[in-house]
Every structure is written in C-alpha cells, then in structure tokens.
Amino acid sequence: MLTIILVVIHVIVSLGLILLILLHSGRGGGLSDMFGGSVGNVAAGSTVVERNLDRMTILLAVIFTFTTLSLALRLQ
C-alpha cells in the first residue's frame, strides 16, 4: 500500500517537475517573456515570478529525490 502511494506521488511530482522546468526562461524565452517581460527585465535580474518558479522547482526536486530514494529502498 505504501509503495503504491509513493509511486503515485512520484509520478505527480515528475510531471510537475517537467512542467516547471519547461516554464523556466532560457535565452530570451520562457515564463517571463510569455507574460510581457522585456529584455530590460532580463538584464536587470530575476523577476518575482522567476524566483518563485525557482523555489517551486527546487521543492519538487527535493520531493522527487526523497520519493526516488524511498522507492529504491522499499523495492530492494
């Protein structure tokens, strides 16, 4: 039962991580430009949206790591 719950959480976190990584801005594109960001904002530094996106990505990466290790130990 616990393994099933971990797998479900792992799949949801994986999909969320993919989505958040795709939303990050690369070279002149991404979430900030999609919502009206300009070249001036990129030169000035990260916007609040980008910082929050970074925080959510890090949080999901930590959860992903935890579920990966938990599943590896559980299925050993």
Foldseek 3Di string as FASTA:
>chain_A
DVLVVLVVLLVVLVVVLVVLVQQADDVPDHVCVVVPHDPVCVVVHDDPVNVVSVVVNVVSVVSNVVSVVVNVVVVD
